[in-house]
Amino acid sequence: MPILAGMMPILSVKQIKRFTQMCGATIPKELLKRIEAVEDDAEAVRQIGMYHATEQCRGLLHENVAGIHFYTLNRSTATRAIYQLLQAKIRTV
């Protein structure tokens, strides 16, 4: 049975801090500094989170993962945007 990589784009500083406290996950320090610097700008946090998730997906796909499971938490807009960015990159390779 293949194991799929799980991806949850950061869309809110408050939400991701609460999530990491509940499950014990960590956020890379540089990424945390970047999102905390724009914490009051929801769109800027969303853009940073989507960019980071897209780059993680690209790396995983480059390593030939079996698949990626997106945790959307009923907020699928970012996931759809990441998917489109990944498709655009695949077409240009």
N, C-alpha and C. Protein backbone atom coordinates (compact mmCIF):
# COMPACT_ATOMS: atom_id res chain seq x y z
N MET A 1 0.85 -1.17 0.00
CA MET A 1 0.00 0.00 0.00
C MET A 1 0.89 1.24 0.00
N PRO A 2 0.76 2.09 -1.01
CA PRO A 2 1.60 3.30 -1.05
C PRO A 2 1.21 4.27 0.06
N ILE A 3 2.18 5.01 0.53
CA ILE A 3 1.95 6.06 1.53
C ILE A 3 1.97 7.39 0.78
N LEU A 4 0.93 8.19 0.97
CA LEU A 4 0.84 9.48 0.30
C LEU A 4 1.36 10.57 1.23
N ALA A 5 2.05 11.52 0.65
CA ALA A 5 2.49 12.69 1.41
C ALA A 5 1.28 13.55 1.71
N GLY A 6 1.22 14.11 2.91
CA GLY A 6 0.12 14.99 3.30
C GLY A 6 0.55 16.44 3.21
N MET A 7 -0.31 17.29 2.67
CA MET A 7 0.01 18.69 2.49
C MET A 7 -1.14 19.55 3.00
N MET A 8 -0.82 20.50 3.88
CA MET A 8 -1.81 21.45 4.36
C MET A 8 -1.24 22.85 4.20
N PRO A 9 -1.66 23.57 3.17
CA PRO A 9 -1.13 24.92 2.98
C PRO A 9 -1.46 25.82 4.16
N ILE A 10 -0.50 26.65 4.54
CA ILE A 10 -0.73 27.62 5.61
C ILE A 10 -1.57 28.76 5.05
N LEU A 11 -2.71 28.98 5.67
CA LEU A 11 -3.61 30.05 5.23
C LEU A 11 -3.87 31.06 6.34
N SER A 12 -3.49 30.71 7.57
CA SER A 12 -3.73 31.58 8.72
C SER A 12 -2.67 31.27 9.78
N VAL A 13 -2.05 32.31 10.31
CA VAL A 13 -1.03 32.12 11.34
C VAL A 13 -1.67 31.52 12.59
N LYS A 14 -2.79 32.07 13.00
CA LYS A 14 -3.48 31.57 14.19
C LYS A 14 -3.85 30.09 14.02
N GLN A 15 -4.39 29.73 12.87
CA GLN A 15 -4.81 28.35 12.62
C GLN A 15 -3.61 27.39 12.63
N ILE A 16 -2.51 27.76 11.99
CA ILE A 16 -1.37 26.84 11.91
C ILE A 16 -0.69 26.70 13.26
N LYS A 17 -0.66 27.75 14.05
CA LYS A 17 -0.09 27.65 15.41
C LYS A 17 -0.93 26.72 16.28
N ARG A 18 -2.23 26.86 16.18
CA ARG A 18 -3.13 25.99 16.95
C ARG A 18 -2.96 24.54 16.50
N PHE A 19 -2.89 24.32 15.19
CA PHE A 19 -2.74 22.98 14.64
C PHE A 19 -1.43 22.35 15.11
N THR A 20 -0.34 23.09 15.03
CA THR A 20 0.95 22.51 15.42
C THR A 20 1.01 22.21 16.92
N GLN A 21 0.36 23.02 17.72
CA GLN A 21 0.31 22.74 19.16
C GLN A 21 -0.47 21.46 19.44
N MET A 22 -1.55 21.24 18.70
CA MET A 22 -2.38 20.05 18.93
C MET A 22 -1.68 18.76 18.52
N CYS A 23 -0.91 18.80 17.42
CA CYS A 23 -0.35 17.55 16.91
C CYS A 23 1.16 17.42 17.12
N GLY A 24 1.81 18.47 17.60
CA GLY A 24 3.24 18.38 17.86
C GLY A 24 4.12 18.64 16.66
N ALA A 25 3.53 19.08 15.56
CA ALA A 25 4.32 19.39 14.36
C ALA A 25 5.08 20.70 14.57
N THR A 26 6.07 20.93 13.73
CA THR A 26 6.82 22.18 13.78
C THR A 26 6.80 22.85 12.42
N ILE A 27 7.02 24.14 12.44
CA ILE A 27 7.12 24.94 11.23
C ILE A 27 8.57 25.39 11.12
N PRO A 28 9.19 25.30 9.95
CA PRO A 28 10.56 25.80 9.82
C PRO A 28 10.66 27.26 10.31
N LYS A 29 11.71 27.57 11.07
CA LYS A 29 11.83 28.89 11.69
C LYS A 29 11.76 30.03 10.68
N GLU A 30 12.40 29.87 9.53
CA GLU A 30 12.39 30.93 8.52
C GLU A 30 10.98 31.15 7.99
N LEU A 31 10.24 30.09 7.76
CA LEU A 31 8.85 30.21 7.29
C LEU A 31 7.99 30.88 8.36
N LEU A 32 8.17 30.47 9.61
CA LEU A 32 7.40 31.07 10.71
C LEU A 32 7.68 32.57 10.80
N LYS A 33 8.93 32.97 10.67
CA LYS A 33 9.27 34.40 10.71
C LYS A 33 8.59 35.15 9.57
N ARG A 34 8.57 34.54 8.39
CA ARG A 34 7.96 35.19 7.23
C ARG A 34 6.46 35.41 7.42
N ILE A 35 5.77 34.38 7.92
CA ILE A 35 4.31 34.54 8.06
C ILE A 35 3.96 35.43 9.26
N GLU A 36 4.77 35.37 10.32
CA GLU A 36 4.50 36.25 11.47
C GLU A 36 4.72 37.72 11.10
N ALA A 37 5.64 37.98 10.19
CA ALA A 37 5.92 39.36 9.77
C ALA A 37 4.73 40.00 9.06
N VAL A 38 3.87 39.17 8.46
CA VAL A 38 2.70 39.69 7.73
C VAL A 38 1.40 39.17 8.34
N GLU A 39 1.45 38.79 9.58
CA GLU A 39 0.31 38.14 10.25
C GLU A 39 -1.00 38.91 10.11
N ASP A 40 -0.93 40.24 10.06
CA ASP A 40 -2.15 41.05 9.98
C ASP A 40 -2.65 41.21 8.54
N ASP A 41 -1.95 40.64 7.59
CA ASP A 41 -2.34 40.72 6.18
C ASP A 41 -2.69 39.30 5.71
N ALA A 42 -3.96 38.96 5.80
CA ALA A 42 -4.41 37.59 5.50
C ALA A 42 -3.99 37.13 4.10
N GLU A 43 -4.06 38.02 3.12
CA GLU A 43 -3.70 37.63 1.76
C GLU A 43 -2.20 37.36 1.64
N ALA A 44 -1.38 38.13 2.32
CA ALA A 44 0.07 37.90 2.28
C ALA A 44 0.42 36.56 2.94
N VAL A 45 -0.23 36.24 4.06
CA VAL A 45 -0.01 34.95 4.71
C VAL A 45 -0.40 33.83 3.77
N ARG A 46 -1.53 33.99 3.13
CA ARG A 46 -2.03 32.97 2.18
C ARG A 46 -1.05 32.77 1.03
N GLN A 47 -0.53 33.86 0.48
CA GLN A 47 0.42 33.77 -0.64
C GLN A 47 1.71 33.07 -0.23
N ILE A 48 2.23 33.41 0.94
CA ILE A 48 3.45 32.76 1.44
C ILE A 48 3.18 31.28 1.66
N GLY A 49 2.05 30.97 2.28
CA GLY A 49 1.69 29.58 2.54
C GLY A 49 1.52 28.77 1.27
N MET A 50 0.88 29.36 0.27
CA MET A 50 0.68 28.66 -1.00
C MET A 50 2.00 28.45 -1.73
N TYR A 51 2.87 29.47 -1.70
CA TYR A 51 4.17 29.33 -2.35
C TYR A 51 4.98 28.21 -1.70
N HIS A 52 5.01 28.21 -0.37
CA HIS A 52 5.76 27.19 0.35
C HIS A 52 5.20 25.79 0.04
N ALA A 53 3.89 25.65 0.07
CA ALA A 53 3.28 24.34 -0.21
C ALA A 53 3.56 23.91 -1.65
N THR A 54 3.51 24.84 -2.59
CA THR A 54 3.79 24.51 -3.99
C THR A 54 5.22 24.01 -4.15
N GLU A 55 6.16 24.69 -3.50
CA GLU A 55 7.56 24.26 -3.58
C GLU A 55 7.76 22.89 -2.93
N GLN A 56 7.08 22.64 -1.82
CA GLN A 56 7.16 21.32 -1.20
C GLN A 56 6.61 20.25 -2.14
N CYS A 57 5.49 20.54 -2.78
CA CYS A 57 4.89 19.58 -3.72
C CYS A 57 5.82 19.31 -4.89
N ARG A 58 6.43 20.36 -5.42
CA ARG A 58 7.36 20.18 -6.53
C ARG A 58 8.50 19.25 -6.13
N GLY A 59 9.03 19.47 -4.92
CA GLY A 59 10.11 18.61 -4.44
C GLY A 59 9.66 17.17 -4.29
N LEU A 60 8.48 16.97 -3.73
CA LEU A 60 7.95 15.62 -3.55
C LEU A 60 7.73 14.94 -4.90
N LEU A 61 7.14 15.66 -5.84
CA LEU A 61 6.88 15.09 -7.17
C LEU A 61 8.20 14.78 -7.88
N HIS A 62 9.18 15.62 -7.69
CA HIS A 62 10.50 15.38 -8.29
C HIS A 62 11.10 14.08 -7.76
N GLU A 63 10.79 13.75 -6.51
CA GLU A 63 11.28 12.51 -5.88
C GLU A 63 10.36 11.33 -6.15
N ASN A 64 9.37 11.54 -7.04
CA ASN A 64 8.46 10.48 -7.48
C ASN A 64 7.60 9.88 -6.37
N VAL A 65 7.04 10.74 -5.52
CA VAL A 65 6.12 10.23 -4.50
C VAL A 65 4.92 9.59 -5.17
N ALA A 66 4.27 8.69 -4.45
CA ALA A 66 3.10 7.98 -5.00
C ALA A 66 1.92 8.91 -5.20
N GLY A 67 1.86 9.99 -4.47
CA GLY A 67 0.76 10.94 -4.56
C GLY A 67 0.83 11.93 -3.42
N ILE A 68 0.01 12.96 -3.48
CA ILE A 68 -0.05 13.97 -2.44
C ILE A 68 -1.51 14.12 -2.02
N HIS A 69 -1.73 14.03 -0.72
CA HIS A 69 -3.06 14.23 -0.16
C HIS A 69 -3.12 15.63 0.42
N PHE A 70 -4.07 16.44 -0.03
CA PHE A 70 -4.22 17.80 0.49
C PHE A 70 -5.26 17.83 1.60
N TYR A 71 -4.88 18.42 2.72
CA TYR A 71 -5.81 18.67 3.82
C TYR A 71 -6.37 20.06 3.57
N THR A 72 -7.61 20.13 3.10
CA THR A 72 -8.19 21.42 2.73
C THR A 72 -8.94 22.09 3.87
N LEU A 73 -9.43 21.31 4.81
CA LEU A 73 -10.21 21.85 5.93
C LEU A 73 -11.33 22.75 5.43
N ASN A 74 -12.00 22.30 4.39
CA ASN A 74 -13.13 23.02 3.77
C ASN A 74 -12.71 24.36 3.17
N ARG A 75 -11.43 24.49 2.83
CA ARG A 75 -10.94 25.72 2.19
C ARG A 75 -10.11 25.29 0.97
N SER A 76 -10.79 24.86 -0.05
CA SER A 76 -10.11 24.23 -1.18
C SER A 76 -9.54 25.20 -2.21
N THR A 77 -9.80 26.48 -2.10
CA THR A 77 -9.33 27.44 -3.09
C THR A 77 -7.81 27.40 -3.23
N ALA A 78 -7.09 27.38 -2.10
CA ALA A 78 -5.63 27.34 -2.14
C ALA A 78 -5.14 26.05 -2.78
N THR A 79 -5.78 24.95 -2.46
CA THR A 79 -5.38 23.66 -3.03
C THR A 79 -5.56 23.66 -4.54
N ARG A 80 -6.65 24.21 -5.01
CA ARG A 80 -6.88 24.30 -6.46
C ARG A 80 -5.82 25.18 -7.12
N ALA A 81 -5.45 26.27 -6.48
CA ALA A 81 -4.43 27.16 -7.03
C ALA A 81 -3.07 26.46 -7.08
N ILE A 82 -2.73 25.72 -6.03
CA ILE A 82 -1.47 24.98 -6.01
C ILE A 82 -1.46 23.94 -7.13
N TYR A 83 -2.57 23.25 -7.29
CA TYR A 83 -2.68 22.24 -8.35
C TYR A 83 -2.45 22.88 -9.72
N GLN A 84 -3.05 24.04 -9.96
CA GLN A 84 -2.87 24.72 -11.24
C GLN A 84 -1.42 25.15 -11.44
N LEU A 85 -0.77 25.65 -10.38
CA LEU A 85 0.64 26.02 -10.49
C LEU A 85 1.50 24.81 -10.81
N LEU A 86 1.20 23.69 -10.19
CA LEU A 86 1.96 22.47 -10.46
C LEU A 86 1.73 21.99 -11.89
N GLN A 87 0.51 22.06 -12.38
CA GLN A 87 0.23 21.66 -13.76
C GLN A 87 0.96 22.55 -14.74
N ALA A 88 0.98 23.84 -14.48
CA ALA A 88 1.66 24.78 -15.36
C ALA A 88 3.15 24.46 -15.41
N LYS A 89 3.73 24.13 -14.30
CA LYS A 89 5.16 23.80 -14.24
C LYS A 89 5.43 22.51 -15.01
N ILE A 90 4.57 21.53 -14.86
CA ILE A 90 4.75 20.23 -15.55
C ILE A 90 4.70 20.44 -17.06
N ARG A 91 3.79 21.28 -17.52
CA ARG A 91 3.65 21.52 -18.96
C ARG A 91 4.87 22.20 -19.56
N THR A 92 5.58 23.00 -18.75
CA THR A 92 6.73 23.73 -19.29
C THR A 92 8.03 22.95 -19.19
N VAL A 93 8.01 21.79 -18.54
CA VAL A 93 9.23 20.99 -18.39
C VAL A 93 9.45 20.12 -19.60
